[in-house]
Amino acid sequence: MKPVLAAALAALLSLFAPATPAFEPPPSVAALFSRVPELPATADEAASWVDRGGRIVHPGLLALRADIEAHQRAIGLIQQAAAERHQAQSVIVVENLGKGMADVGIDMARMQRDPAYAQQVQERMRKMSPQELMAMSQKMNQPLNQDRRHQNQAQAMAEDSAVNRTAALAGEAYASAQMKRLDAHTALWREAEDAVARVVKKPLAAPGPKPTPEWENIGCDAGCRAQWDAYASKMLPLMVARDTEALRIRRAALQRQRAAVADGIRSADKHLVATQYGAASNSQANQGNIVRYDGAAIAEISYLLDRITDSVKSAAVVVHCGKQIVLAPGAVCH
């Protein structure tokens, strides 16, 4: 099927499609942001957020992730509706272009299938004066200009409400600054991880020398194993305390990042709610900037959740492993 015919058929079928359901607002970015939890204060608490396989089991985190996905699906419906309107407009443009070309003696369908004919048309246009080309262009565009179904995007942007125009400008600026914010977040967490590395490198105040032979050695008898068990009982709390210290460093970093993005997300939320997340805008350009605004705000929340996930997983390892991490540090914890 020819592209023009397929597009026209799609437009015809759209007339019999069910009406678009009323807009249902997604969970707001401000509400989602407010549900981002603090990191736990201790490694023992972090272990309750993660199972032994390293999977997050914290109900609040899981619910927040699910609601972010629901939010993104709702925004996707707005984008889908916009894409369908854009496709319908493309059909109108092609239809009127064919009429306009016919008005100046050009067979658009033949140009698509007959290279020789297309070459003849190009040669004819090359021989025209600038005035003739201008007149030809005006005549070709006349059907489109007179078609009330066609939406002029420049006019739509100018006639969009002040609320939508303001949100679009704010969204464009916020999305454009996303890389700068990401660089700041990366620097913040690099600083935190450097501090964690210094904590990890500090030798623990071991309760005397390690028993010999190694716990896994075939020669380690019952008495040897009892010595190792006593040693592990003293070492394990030191290791957990070290993980708690590292977790608190990451907790402080998370608090700093949360504070840095809070105002931007609150401002975004006001614009997004006022414009129904772009659904209230008839301007393709404005709607695109508003949708990008939402995406950038959600990205900030997701970044925080990713750092929380990484931090609690790291803090939970020793607690879940227990004495095994002292007795057989090279083994996989079960």
C-alpha atoms as a PDB file:
ATOM      1  CA  MET A   1       0.000   0.000   0.000  1.00  0.00           C
ATOM      2  CA  LYS A   2       1.324   3.432  -0.941  1.00  0.00           C
ATOM      3  CA  PRO A   3       2.336   5.661   2.003  1.00  0.00           C
ATOM      4  CA  VAL A   4      -0.179   8.386   1.073  1.00  0.00           C
ATOM      5  CA  LEU A   5      -3.031   5.882   0.719  1.00  0.00           C
ATOM      6  CA  ALA A   6      -2.101   4.196   4.010  1.00  0.00           C
ATOM      7  CA  ALA A   7      -2.051   7.534   5.814  1.00  0.00           C
ATOM      8  CA  ALA A   8      -5.421   8.515   4.364  1.00  0.00           C
ATOM      9  CA  LEU A   9      -6.902   5.156   5.426  1.00  0.00           C
ATOM     10  CA  ALA A  10      -5.541   5.637   8.943  1.00  0.00           C
ATOM     11  CA  ALA A  11      -7.171   9.048   9.129  1.00  0.00           C
ATOM     12  CA  LEU A  12     -10.497   7.592   7.946  1.00  0.00           C
ATOM     13  CA  LEU A  13     -10.392   4.794  10.532  1.00  0.00           C
ATOM     14  CA  SER A  14      -9.620   7.305  13.257  1.00  0.00           C
ATOM     15  CA  LEU A  15     -13.064   8.849  12.694  1.00  0.00           C
ATOM     16  CA  PHE A  16     -14.640   5.636  13.999  1.00  0.00           C
ATOM     17  CA  ALA A  17     -12.244   5.158  16.895  1.00  0.00           C
ATOM     18  CA  PRO A  18     -13.632   5.368  20.447  1.00  0.00           C
ATOM     19  CA  ALA A  19     -13.465   8.767  22.110  1.00  0.00           C
ATOM     20  CA  THR A  20     -10.321   9.586  24.078  1.00  0.00           C
ATOM     21  CA  PRO A  21     -10.974   8.977  27.792  1.00  0.00           C
ATOM     22  CA  ALA A  22     -10.943  11.928  30.186  1.00  0.00           C
ATOM     23  CA  PHE A  23      -7.513  12.895  31.440  1.00  0.00           C
ATOM     24  CA  GLU A  24      -6.597  11.130  34.672  1.00  0.00           C
ATOM     25  CA  PRO A  25      -3.715  12.861  36.438  1.00  0.00           C
ATOM     26  CA  PRO A  26      -0.796  10.622  37.430  1.00  0.00           C
ATOM     27  CA  PRO A  27       0.717  10.640  40.941  1.00  0.00           C
ATOM     28  CA  SER A  28       2.315  14.084  41.222  1.00  0.00           C
ATOM     29  CA  VAL A  29       6.088  14.476  41.205  1.00  0.00           C
ATOM     30  CA  ALA A  30       5.916  16.358  44.518  1.00  0.00           C
ATOM     31  CA  ALA A  31       4.008  13.502  46.141  1.00  0.00           C
ATOM     32  CA  LEU A  32       6.450  10.949  44.759  1.00  0.00           C
ATOM     33  CA  PHE A  33       9.423  13.008  45.933  1.00  0.00           C
ATOM     34  CA  SER A  34       7.975  13.329  49.442  1.00  0.00           C
ATOM     35  CA  ARG A  35       7.908   9.531  49.712  1.00  0.00           C
ATOM     36  CA  VAL A  36      11.636   9.080  49.062  1.00  0.00           C
ATOM     37  CA  PRO A  37      12.801   7.608  52.406  1.00  0.00           C
ATOM     38  CA  GLU A  38      15.868   8.487  54.411  1.00  0.00           C
ATOM     39  CA  LEU A  39      18.577   5.882  54.376  1.00  0.00           C
ATOM     40  CA  PRO A  40      18.515   3.708  57.494  1.00  0.00           C
ATOM     41  CA  ALA A  41      20.830   4.779  60.295  1.00  0.00           C
ATOM     42  CA  THR A  42      22.486   1.392  60.855  1.00  0.00           C
ATOM     43  CA  ALA A  43      23.660  -1.596  58.865  1.00  0.00           C
ATOM     44  CA  ASP A  44      21.346  -3.845  60.891  1.00  0.00           C
ATOM     45  CA  GLU A  45      18.379  -1.724  59.813  1.00  0.00           C
ATOM     46  CA  ALA A  46      19.600  -1.724  56.207  1.00  0.00           C
ATOM     47  CA  ALA A  47      19.581  -5.539  56.258  1.00  0.00           C
ATOM     48  CA  SER A  48      15.820  -5.454  56.848  1.00  0.00           C
ATOM     49  CA  TRP A  49      15.404  -3.550  53.556  1.00  0.00           C
ATOM     50  CA  VAL A  50      17.163  -6.267  51.518  1.00  0.00           C
ATOM     51  CA  ASP A  51      16.828 -10.030  51.435  1.00  0.00           C
ATOM     52  CA  ARG A  52      19.799 -12.377  51.532  1.00  0.00           C
ATOM     53  CA  GLY A  53      19.809 -12.500  47.734  1.00  0.00           C
ATOM     54  CA  GLY A  54      20.312  -8.737  47.499  1.00  0.00           C
ATOM     55  CA  ARG A  55      16.729  -7.945  46.428  1.00  0.00           C
ATOM     56  CA  ILE A  56      14.930  -4.931  47.854  1.00  0.00           C
ATOM     57  CA  VAL A  57      12.027  -5.946  50.100  1.00  0.00           C
ATOM     58  CA  HIS A  58      11.267  -2.577  51.724  1.00  0.00           C
ATOM     59  CA  PRO A  59       7.508  -2.042  51.114  1.00  0.00           C
ATOM     60  CA  GLY A  60       7.806   1.732  50.811  1.00  0.00           C
ATOM     61  CA  LEU A  61      10.577   1.545  48.198  1.00  0.00           C
ATOM     62  CA  LEU A  62       8.768  -1.099  46.192  1.00  0.00           C
ATOM     63  CA  ALA A  63       5.505   0.877  46.253  1.00  0.00           C
ATOM     64  CA  LEU A  64       7.281   4.079  45.239  1.00  0.00           C
ATOM     65  CA  ARG A  65       8.983   2.361  42.302  1.00  0.00           C
ATOM     66  CA  ALA A  66       5.609   0.999  41.194  1.00  0.00           C
ATOM     67  CA  ASP A  67       3.971   4.419  41.410  1.00  0.00           C
ATOM     68  CA  ILE A  68       6.784   6.016  39.413  1.00  0.00           C
ATOM     69  CA  GLU A  69       6.147   3.438  36.695  1.00  0.00           C
ATOM     70  CA  ALA A  70       2.421   4.253  36.857  1.00  0.00           C
ATOM     71  CA  HIS A  71       3.250   7.938  36.518  1.00  0.00           C
ATOM     72  CA  GLN A  72       5.422   7.275  33.484  1.00  0.00           C
ATOM     73  CA  ARG A  73       2.693   5.182  31.871  1.00  0.00           C
ATOM     74  CA  ALA A  74       0.230   8.047  32.328  1.00  0.00           C
ATOM     75  CA  ILE A  75       2.647  10.501  30.718  1.00  0.00           C
ATOM     76  CA  GLY A  76       3.133   7.965  27.932  1.00  0.00           C
ATOM     77  CA  LEU A  77      -0.584   8.168  27.153  1.00  0.00           C
ATOM     78  CA  ILE A  78      -0.249  11.938  26.742  1.00  0.00           C
ATOM     79  CA  GLN A  79       2.654  11.405  24.371  1.00  0.00           C
ATOM     80  CA  GLN A  80       0.701   8.752  22.466  1.00  0.00           C
ATOM     81  CA  ALA A  81      -2.254  11.106  22.007  1.00  0.00           C
ATOM     82  CA  ALA A  82       0.115  13.813  20.782  1.00  0.00           C
ATOM     83  CA  ALA A  83       1.700  11.385  18.320  1.00  0.00           C
ATOM     84  CA  GLU A  84      -1.731  10.439  16.978  1.00  0.00           C
ATOM     85  CA  ARG A  85      -2.630  14.106  16.487  1.00  0.00           C
ATOM     86  CA  HIS A  86       0.674  14.671  14.733  1.00  0.00           C
ATOM     87  CA  GLN A  87       0.002  11.715  12.428  1.00  0.00           C
ATOM     88  CA  ALA A  88      -3.461  13.070  11.611  1.00  0.00           C
ATOM     89  CA  GLN A  89      -1.954  16.456  10.811  1.00  0.00           C
ATOM     90  CA  SER A  90       0.624  14.796   8.555  1.00  0.00           C
ATOM     91  CA  VAL A  91      -2.195  13.136   6.620  1.00  0.00           C
ATOM     92  CA  ILE A  92      -3.866  16.528   6.148  1.00  0.00           C
ATOM     93  CA  VAL A  93      -0.615  18.085   4.952  1.00  0.00           C
ATOM     94  CA  VAL A  94       0.036  15.287   2.436  1.00  0.00           C
ATOM     95  CA  GLU A  95      -3.529  15.417   1.192  1.00  0.00           C
ATOM     96  CA  ASN A  96      -3.383  19.171   0.611  1.00  0.00           C
ATOM     97  CA  LEU A  97       0.079  18.986  -0.853  1.00  0.00           C
ATOM     98  CA  GLY A  98      -1.265  16.618  -3.485  1.00  0.00           C
ATOM     99  CA  LYS A  99      -4.087  19.053  -4.262  1.00  0.00           C
ATOM    100  CA  GLY A 100      -1.723  21.998  -4.439  1.00  0.00           C
ATOM    101  CA  MET A 101       0.701  20.214  -6.730  1.00  0.00           C
ATOM    102  CA  ALA A 102      -2.162  19.218  -9.000  1.00  0.00           C
ATOM    103  CA  ASP A 103      -3.229  22.882  -9.152  1.00  0.00           C
ATOM    104  CA  VAL A 104       0.175  23.794 -10.602  1.00  0.00           C
ATOM    105  CA  GLY A 105       0.210  20.860 -13.019  1.00  0.00           C
ATOM    106  CA  ILE A 106       2.268  18.352 -11.032  1.00  0.00           C
ATOM    107  CA  ASP A 107       1.149  14.755 -10.440  1.00  0.00           C
ATOM    108  CA  MET A 108       2.468  13.907  -6.963  1.00  0.00           C
ATOM    109  CA  ALA A 109       1.682  10.187  -7.225  1.00  0.00           C
ATOM    110  CA  ARG A 110       3.491   9.962 -10.558  1.00  0.00           C
ATOM    111  CA  MET A 111       6.513  11.774  -9.107  1.00  0.00           C
ATOM    112  CA  GLN A 112       6.767   9.057  -6.444  1.00  0.00           C
ATOM    113  CA  ARG A 113       6.793   6.200  -8.924  1.00  0.00           C
ATOM    114  CA  ASP A 114       8.339   7.710 -12.071  1.00  0.00           C
ATOM    115  CA  PRO A 115      11.936   9.030 -11.688  1.00  0.00           C
ATOM    116  CA  ALA A 116      11.977  10.375 -15.244  1.00  0.00           C
ATOM    117  CA  TYR A 117       8.838  12.415 -14.614  1.00  0.00           C
ATOM    118  CA  ALA A 118      10.288  13.690 -11.328  1.00  0.00           C
ATOM    119  CA  GLN A 119      13.383  14.813 -13.223  1.00  0.00           C
ATOM    120  CA  GLN A 120      11.229  16.672 -15.757  1.00  0.00           C
ATOM    121  CA  VAL A 121       9.448  18.547 -12.940  1.00  0.00           C
ATOM    122  CA  GLN A 122      12.782  19.523 -11.388  1.00  0.00           C
ATOM    123  CA  GLU A 123      14.074  20.759 -14.730  1.00  0.00           C
ATOM    124  CA  ARG A 124      10.916  22.804 -15.212  1.00  0.00           C
ATOM    125  CA  MET A 125      11.318  24.434 -11.813  1.00  0.00           C
ATOM    126  CA  ARG A 126      14.995  25.211 -12.410  1.00  0.00           C
ATOM    127  CA  LYS A 127      14.011  27.225 -15.470  1.00  0.00           C
ATOM    128  CA  MET A 128      11.528  29.386 -13.543  1.00  0.00           C
ATOM    129  CA  SER A 129      12.299  32.902 -12.350  1.00  0.00           C
ATOM    130  CA  PRO A 130      12.203  33.641  -8.588  1.00  0.00           C
ATOM    131  CA  GLN A 131       8.874  35.410  -9.108  1.00  0.00           C
ATOM    132  CA  GLU A 132       7.423  32.383 -10.918  1.00  0.00           C
ATOM    133  CA  LEU A 133       8.651  30.042  -8.177  1.00  0.00           C
ATOM    134  CA  MET A 134       7.089  32.269  -5.524  1.00  0.00           C
ATOM    135  CA  ALA A 135       3.755  32.322  -7.326  1.00  0.00           C
ATOM    136  CA  MET A 136       3.902  28.555  -7.795  1.00  0.00           C
ATOM    137  CA  SER A 137       4.645  28.035  -4.104  1.00  0.00           C
ATOM    138  CA  GLN A 138       1.755  30.253  -3.041  1.00  0.00           C
ATOM    139  CA  LYS A 139      -0.649  28.377  -5.289  1.00  0.00           C
ATOM    140  CA  MET A 140       0.597  25.002  -4.031  1.00  0.00           C
ATOM    141  CA  ASN A 141       0.121  26.059  -0.395  1.00  0.00           C
ATOM    142  CA  GLN A 142      -3.332  27.533  -0.930  1.00  0.00           C
ATOM    143  CA  PRO A 143      -5.301  24.296  -0.259  1.00  0.00           C
ATOM    144  CA  LEU A 144      -3.418  23.731   3.021  1.00  0.00           C
ATOM    145  CA  ASN A 145      -3.844  27.345   4.112  1.00  0.00           C
ATOM    146  CA  GLN A 146      -7.577  27.117   3.503  1.00  0.00           C
ATOM    147  CA  ASP A 147      -8.062  23.762   5.248  1.00  0.00           C
ATOM    148  CA  ARG A 148      -9.503  24.453   8.684  1.00  0.00           C
ATOM    149  CA  ARG A 149      -8.433  21.031   9.905  1.00  0.00           C
ATOM    150  CA  HIS A 150      -4.784  21.998   9.648  1.00  0.00           C
ATOM    151  CA  GLN A 151      -3.182  23.331  12.811  1.00  0.00           C
ATOM    152  CA  ASN A 152      -0.414  25.852  12.282  1.00  0.00           C
ATOM    153  CA  GLN A 153       2.124  25.034  14.973  1.00  0.00           C
ATOM    154  CA  ALA A 154       3.544  28.547  15.187  1.00  0.00           C
ATOM    155  CA  GLN A 155       0.042  29.896  15.690  1.00  0.00           C
ATOM    156  CA  ALA A 156      -0.780  27.152  18.209  1.00  0.00           C
ATOM    157  CA  MET A 157       2.263  28.096  20.257  1.00  0.00           C
ATOM    158  CA  ALA A 158       1.378  31.795  20.184  1.00  0.00           C
ATOM    159  CA  GLU A 159      -2.260  31.126  21.102  1.00  0.00           C
ATOM    160  CA  ASP A 160      -1.476  28.640  23.867  1.00  0.00           C
ATOM    161  CA  SER A 161      -2.461  29.782  27.354  1.00  0.00           C
ATOM    162  CA  ALA A 162      -0.011  31.771  29.456  1.00  0.00           C
ATOM    163  CA  VAL A 163       0.088  28.898  31.943  1.00  0.00           C
ATOM    164  CA  ASN A 164       1.192  26.472  29.243  1.00  0.00           C
ATOM    165  CA  ARG A 165       3.718  28.861  27.713  1.00  0.00           C
ATOM    166  CA  THR A 166       5.269  29.601  31.109  1.00  0.00           C
ATOM    167  CA  ALA A 167       5.458  25.904  31.981  1.00  0.00           C
ATOM    168  CA  ALA A 168       7.032  25.111  28.614  1.00  0.00           C
ATOM    169  CA  LEU A 169       9.744  27.727  29.101  1.00  0.00           C
ATOM    170  CA  ALA A 170      10.410  26.530  32.639  1.00  0.00           C
ATOM    171  CA  GLY A 171      10.492  22.937  31.424  1.00  0.00           C
ATOM    172  CA  GLU A 172      12.929  23.724  28.647  1.00  0.00           C
ATOM    173  CA  ALA A 173      15.259  25.454  31.106  1.00  0.00           C
ATOM    174  CA  TYR A 174      14.990  22.661  33.697  1.00  0.00           C
ATOM    175  CA  ALA A 175      15.600  19.881  31.176  1.00  0.00           C
ATOM    176  CA  SER A 176      18.528  21.796  29.665  1.00  0.00           C
ATOM    177  CA  ALA A 177      20.157  22.027  33.108  1.00  0.00           C
ATOM    178  CA  GLN A 178      19.802  18.296  33.747  1.00  0.00           C
ATOM    179  CA  MET A 179      23.360  17.455  32.741  1.00  0.00           C
ATOM    180  CA  LYS A 180      24.696  20.159  35.062  1.00  0.00           C
ATOM    181  CA  ARG A 181      22.670  18.726  37.928  1.00  0.00           C
ATOM    182  CA  LEU A 182      23.878  15.222  37.095  1.00  0.00           C
ATOM    183  CA  ASP A 183      27.484  16.417  37.216  1.00  0.00           C
ATOM    184  CA  ALA A 184      26.829  17.939  40.651  1.00  0.00           C
ATOM    185  CA  HIS A 185      25.255  14.686  41.893  1.00  0.00           C
ATOM    186  CA  THR A 186      28.187  12.672  40.550  1.00  0.00           C
ATOM    187  CA  ALA A 187      30.671  14.946  42.308  1.00  0.00           C
ATOM    188  CA  LEU A 188      28.708  14.708  45.565  1.00  0.00           C
ATOM    189  CA  TRP A 189      28.654  10.923  45.512  1.00  0.00           C
ATOM    190  CA  ARG A 190      32.281  10.677  44.418  1.00  0.00           C
ATOM    191  CA  GLU A 191      33.175  12.690  47.511  1.00  0.00           C
ATOM    192  CA  ALA A 192      31.025  10.405  49.672  1.00  0.00           C
ATOM    193  CA  GLU A 193      32.511   7.228  48.203  1.00  0.00           C
ATOM    194  CA  ASP A 194      36.038   8.576  48.752  1.00  0.00           C
ATOM    195  CA  ALA A 195      35.129   9.066  52.419  1.00  0.00           C
ATOM    196  CA  VAL A 196      33.683   5.539  52.546  1.00  0.00           C
ATOM    197  CA  ALA A 197      36.879   4.163  51.014  1.00  0.00           C
ATOM    198  CA  ARG A 198      38.891   5.810  53.797  1.00  0.00           C
ATOM    199  CA  VAL A 199      36.637   4.201  56.403  1.00  0.00           C
ATOM    200  CA  VAL A 200      36.998   0.781  54.795  1.00  0.00           C
ATOM    201  CA  LYS A 201      40.783   1.094  54.652  1.00  0.00           C
ATOM    202  CA  LYS A 202      41.083   1.786  58.386  1.00  0.00           C
ATOM    203  CA  PRO A 203      42.229  -1.430  60.083  1.00  0.00           C
ATOM    204  CA  LEU A 204      39.793  -2.849  62.589  1.00  0.00           C
ATOM    205  CA  ALA A 205      40.857  -3.260  66.199  1.00  0.00           C
ATOM    206  CA  ALA A 206      41.066  -7.034  65.908  1.00  0.00           C
ATOM    207  CA  PRO A 207      40.633  -8.982  69.179  1.00  0.00           C
ATOM    208  CA  GLY A 208      44.036 -10.566  69.020  1.00  0.00           C
ATOM    209  CA  PRO A 209      45.621 -12.619  66.219  1.00  0.00           C
ATOM    210  CA  LYS A 210      43.608 -14.866  63.986  1.00  0.00           C
ATOM    211  CA  PRO A 211      43.452 -18.495  65.091  1.00  0.00           C
ATOM    212  CA  THR A 212      45.475 -20.993  63.101  1.00  0.00           C
ATOM    213  CA  PRO A 213      45.060 -22.935  60.943  1.00  0.00           C
ATOM    214  CA  GLU A 214      42.426 -21.342  58.738  1.00  0.00           C
ATOM    215  CA  TRP A 215      38.835 -22.252  59.563  1.00  0.00           C
ATOM    216  CA  GLU A 216      38.425 -23.962  56.187  1.00  0.00           C
ATOM    217  CA  ASN A 217      41.615 -25.978  56.620  1.00  0.00           C
ATOM    218  CA  ILE A 218      41.055 -29.703  56.971  1.00  0.00           C
ATOM    219  CA  GLY A 219      43.336 -29.638  59.990  1.00  0.00           C
ATOM    220  CA  CYS A 220      41.130 -27.216  61.916  1.00  0.00           C
ATOM    221  CA  ASP A 221      39.652 -29.482  64.615  1.00  0.00           C
ATOM    222  CA  ALA A 222      36.869 -28.817  67.085  1.00  0.00           C
ATOM    223  CA  GLY A 223      39.102 -26.762  69.362  1.00  0.00           C
ATOM    224  CA  CYS A 224      40.346 -24.704  66.412  1.00  0.00           C
ATOM    225  CA  ARG A 225      36.802 -24.084  65.250  1.00  0.00           C
ATOM    226  CA  ALA A 226      35.800 -22.960  68.735  1.00  0.00           C
ATOM    227  CA  GLN A 227      38.636 -20.430  68.677  1.00  0.00           C
ATOM    228  CA  TRP A 228      37.508 -19.188  65.263  1.00  0.00           C
ATOM    229  CA  ASP A 229      33.913 -18.900  66.456  1.00  0.00           C
ATOM    230  CA  ALA A 230      34.995 -16.775  69.412  1.00  0.00           C
ATOM    231  CA  TYR A 231      37.159 -14.633  67.129  1.00  0.00           C
ATOM    232  CA  ALA A 232      34.283 -14.158  64.658  1.00  0.00           C
ATOM    233  CA  SER A 233      31.921 -13.204  67.498  1.00  0.00           C
ATOM    234  CA  LYS A 234      34.217 -10.292  68.326  1.00  0.00           C
ATOM    235  CA  MET A 235      35.091  -9.301  64.754  1.00  0.00           C
ATOM    236  CA  LEU A 236      31.575  -9.287  63.340  1.00  0.00           C
ATOM    237  CA  PRO A 237      30.279  -6.334  65.421  1.00  0.00           C
ATOM    238  CA  LEU A 238      33.354  -4.329  64.386  1.00  0.00           C
ATOM    239  CA  MET A 239      32.643  -5.021  60.724  1.00  0.00           C
ATOM    240  CA  VAL A 240      28.964  -4.129  61.123  1.00  0.00           C
ATOM    241  CA  ALA A 241      29.935  -0.906  62.913  1.00  0.00           C
ATOM    242  CA  ARG A 242      32.229  -0.041  59.993  1.00  0.00           C
ATOM    243  CA  ASP A 243      29.387  -0.605  57.539  1.00  0.00           C
ATOM    244  CA  THR A 244      27.164   1.592  59.699  1.00  0.00           C
ATOM    245  CA  GLU A 245      29.769   4.366  59.563  1.00  0.00           C
ATOM    246  CA  ALA A 246      29.906   4.053  55.758  1.00  0.00           C
ATOM    247  CA  LEU A 247      26.110   4.049  55.576  1.00  0.00           C
ATOM    248  CA  ARG A 248      25.932   7.272  57.583  1.00  0.00           C
ATOM    249  CA  ILE A 249      28.290   8.950  55.134  1.00  0.00           C
ATOM    250  CA  ARG A 250      26.002   7.938  52.283  1.00  0.00           C
ATOM    251  CA  ARG A 251      22.957   8.996  54.301  1.00  0.00           C
ATOM    252  CA  ALA A 252      24.413  12.498  54.636  1.00  0.00           C
ATOM    253  CA  ALA A 253      25.135  12.602  50.895  1.00  0.00           C
ATOM    254  CA  LEU A 254      21.554  11.585  50.136  1.00  0.00           C
ATOM    255  CA  GLN A 255      20.236  14.340  52.400  1.00  0.00           C
ATOM    256  CA  ARG A 256      22.404  16.914  50.626  1.00  0.00           C
ATOM    257  CA  GLN A 257      21.218  15.795  47.206  1.00  0.00           C
ATOM    258  CA  ARG A 258      17.589  15.742  48.298  1.00  0.00           C
ATOM    259  CA  ALA A 259      17.897  19.314  49.586  1.00  0.00           C
ATOM    260  CA  ALA A 260      19.609  20.429  46.369  1.00  0.00           C
ATOM    261  CA  VAL A 261      16.770  19.239  44.111  1.00  0.00           C
ATOM    262  CA  ALA A 262      13.775  19.903  46.367  1.00  0.00           C
ATOM    263  CA  ASP A 263      12.958  23.429  45.173  1.00  0.00           C
ATOM    264  CA  GLY A 264      13.240  22.439  41.528  1.00  0.00           C
ATOM    265  CA  ILE A 265      10.865  19.511  41.948  1.00  0.00           C
ATOM    266  CA  ARG A 266       8.328  21.595  43.895  1.00  0.00           C
ATOM    267  CA  SER A 267       8.396  24.238  41.152  1.00  0.00           C
ATOM    268  CA  ALA A 268       8.067  21.578  38.454  1.00  0.00           C
ATOM    269  CA  ASP A 269       5.084  20.070  40.240  1.00  0.00           C
ATOM    270  CA  LYS A 270       3.188  23.380  40.212  1.00  0.00           C
ATOM    271  CA  HIS A 271       3.721  23.817  36.463  1.00  0.00           C
ATOM    272  CA  LEU A 272       2.923  20.193  35.658  1.00  0.00           C
ATOM    273  CA  VAL A 273      -0.302  20.081  37.640  1.00  0.00           C
ATOM    274  CA  ALA A 274      -1.450  23.430  36.190  1.00  0.00           C
ATOM    275  CA  THR A 275      -0.959  22.166  32.615  1.00  0.00           C
ATOM    276  CA  GLN A 276      -2.235  18.623  33.241  1.00  0.00           C
ATOM    277  CA  TYR A 277       1.279  17.414  32.471  1.00  0.00           C
ATOM    278  CA  GLY A 278       1.051  18.912  28.989  1.00  0.00           C
ATOM    279  CA  ALA A 279      -2.356  17.465  28.150  1.00  0.00           C
ATOM    280  CA  ALA A 280      -3.930  20.938  28.391  1.00  0.00           C
ATOM    281  CA  SER A 281      -1.630  22.375  25.720  1.00  0.00           C
ATOM    282  CA  ASN A 282      -2.567  22.457  22.027  1.00  0.00           C
ATOM    283  CA  SER A 283       0.970  23.352  21.014  1.00  0.00           C
ATOM    284  CA  GLN A 284       3.153  20.431  20.016  1.00  0.00           C
ATOM    285  CA  ALA A 285       6.310  22.328  20.989  1.00  0.00           C
ATOM    286  CA  ASN A 286       4.974  23.492  24.351  1.00  0.00           C
ATOM    287  CA  GLN A 287       3.596  20.080  25.169  1.00  0.00           C
ATOM    288  CA  GLY A 288       6.930  18.488  24.324  1.00  0.00           C
ATOM    289  CA  ASN A 289       8.782  20.812  26.705  1.00  0.00           C
ATOM    290  CA  ILE A 290       6.271  20.161  29.483  1.00  0.00           C
ATOM    291  CA  VAL A 291       6.567  16.388  29.061  1.00  0.00           C
ATOM    292  CA  ARG A 292      10.367  16.704  29.141  1.00  0.00           C
ATOM    293  CA  TYR A 293       9.972  18.785  32.303  1.00  0.00           C
ATOM    294  CA  ASP A 294       8.168  15.885  33.919  1.00  0.00           C
ATOM    295  CA  GLY A 295      10.746  13.386  32.708  1.00  0.00           C
ATOM    296  CA  ALA A 296      13.613  15.431  34.147  1.00  0.00           C
ATOM    297  CA  ALA A 297      11.873  15.742  37.530  1.00  0.00           C
ATOM    298  CA  ILE A 298      11.156  12.008  37.656  1.00  0.00           C
ATOM    299  CA  ALA A 299      14.799  11.350  36.764  1.00  0.00           C
ATOM    300  CA  GLU A 300      15.866  13.248  39.890  1.00  0.00           C
ATOM    301  CA  ILE A 301      13.634  11.056  42.064  1.00  0.00           C
ATOM    302  CA  SER A 302      14.846   7.881  40.363  1.00  0.00           C
ATOM    303  CA  TYR A 303      18.472   8.916  40.902  1.00  0.00           C
ATOM    304  CA  LEU A 304      17.820   9.212  44.638  1.00  0.00           C
ATOM    305  CA  LEU A 305      16.157   5.786  44.697  1.00  0.00           C
ATOM    306  CA  ASP A 306      19.094   4.234  42.850  1.00  0.00           C
ATOM    307  CA  ARG A 307      21.514   5.623  45.446  1.00  0.00           C
ATOM    308  CA  ILE A 308      19.307   4.331  48.262  1.00  0.00           C
ATOM    309  CA  THR A 309      19.192   0.876  46.668  1.00  0.00           C
ATOM    310  CA  ASP A 310      22.966   0.709  46.197  1.00  0.00           C
ATOM    311  CA  SER A 311      23.623   1.971  49.724  1.00  0.00           C
ATOM    312  CA  VAL A 312      21.370  -0.467  51.576  1.00  0.00           C
ATOM    313  CA  LYS A 313      22.574  -3.408  49.502  1.00  0.00           C
ATOM    314  CA  SER A 314      26.172  -2.574  50.390  1.00  0.00           C
ATOM    315  CA  ALA A 315      25.375  -2.071  54.082  1.00  0.00           C
ATOM    316  CA  ALA A 316      23.427  -5.338  54.355  1.00  0.00           C
ATOM    317  CA  VAL A 317      26.093  -7.739  53.102  1.00  0.00           C
ATOM    318  CA  VAL A 318      27.992  -8.325  56.369  1.00  0.00           C
ATOM    319  CA  VAL A 319      24.836  -8.498  58.474  1.00  0.00           C
ATOM    320  CA  HIS A 320      23.298 -11.119  56.192  1.00  0.00           C
ATOM    321  CA  CYS A 321      26.524 -13.116  55.944  1.00  0.00           C
ATOM    322  CA  GLY A 322      27.085 -13.148  59.694  1.00  0.00           C
ATOM    323  CA  LYS A 323      30.117 -15.003  61.048  1.00  0.00           C
ATOM    324  CA  GLN A 324      30.646 -16.714  57.700  1.00  0.00           C
ATOM    325  CA  ILE A 325      32.208 -13.530  56.321  1.00  0.00           C
ATOM    326  CA  VAL A 326      34.888 -13.798  59.029  1.00  0.00           C
ATOM    327  CA  LEU A 327      35.333 -17.538  58.961  1.00  0.00           C
ATOM    328  CA  ALA A 328      35.354 -17.983  55.172  1.00  0.00           C
ATOM    329  CA  PRO A 329      35.535 -14.484  53.560  1.00  0.00           C
ATOM    330  CA  GLY A 330      36.072 -15.921  50.087  1.00  0.00           C
ATOM    331  CA  ALA A 331      32.953 -18.063  50.165  1.00  0.00           C
ATOM    332  CA  VAL A 332      29.540 -17.054  48.893  1.00  0.00           C
ATOM    333  CA  CYS A 333      27.193 -16.245  51.766  1.00  0.00           C
ATOM    334  CA  HIS A 334      24.093 -18.396  52.073  1.00  0.00           C
END
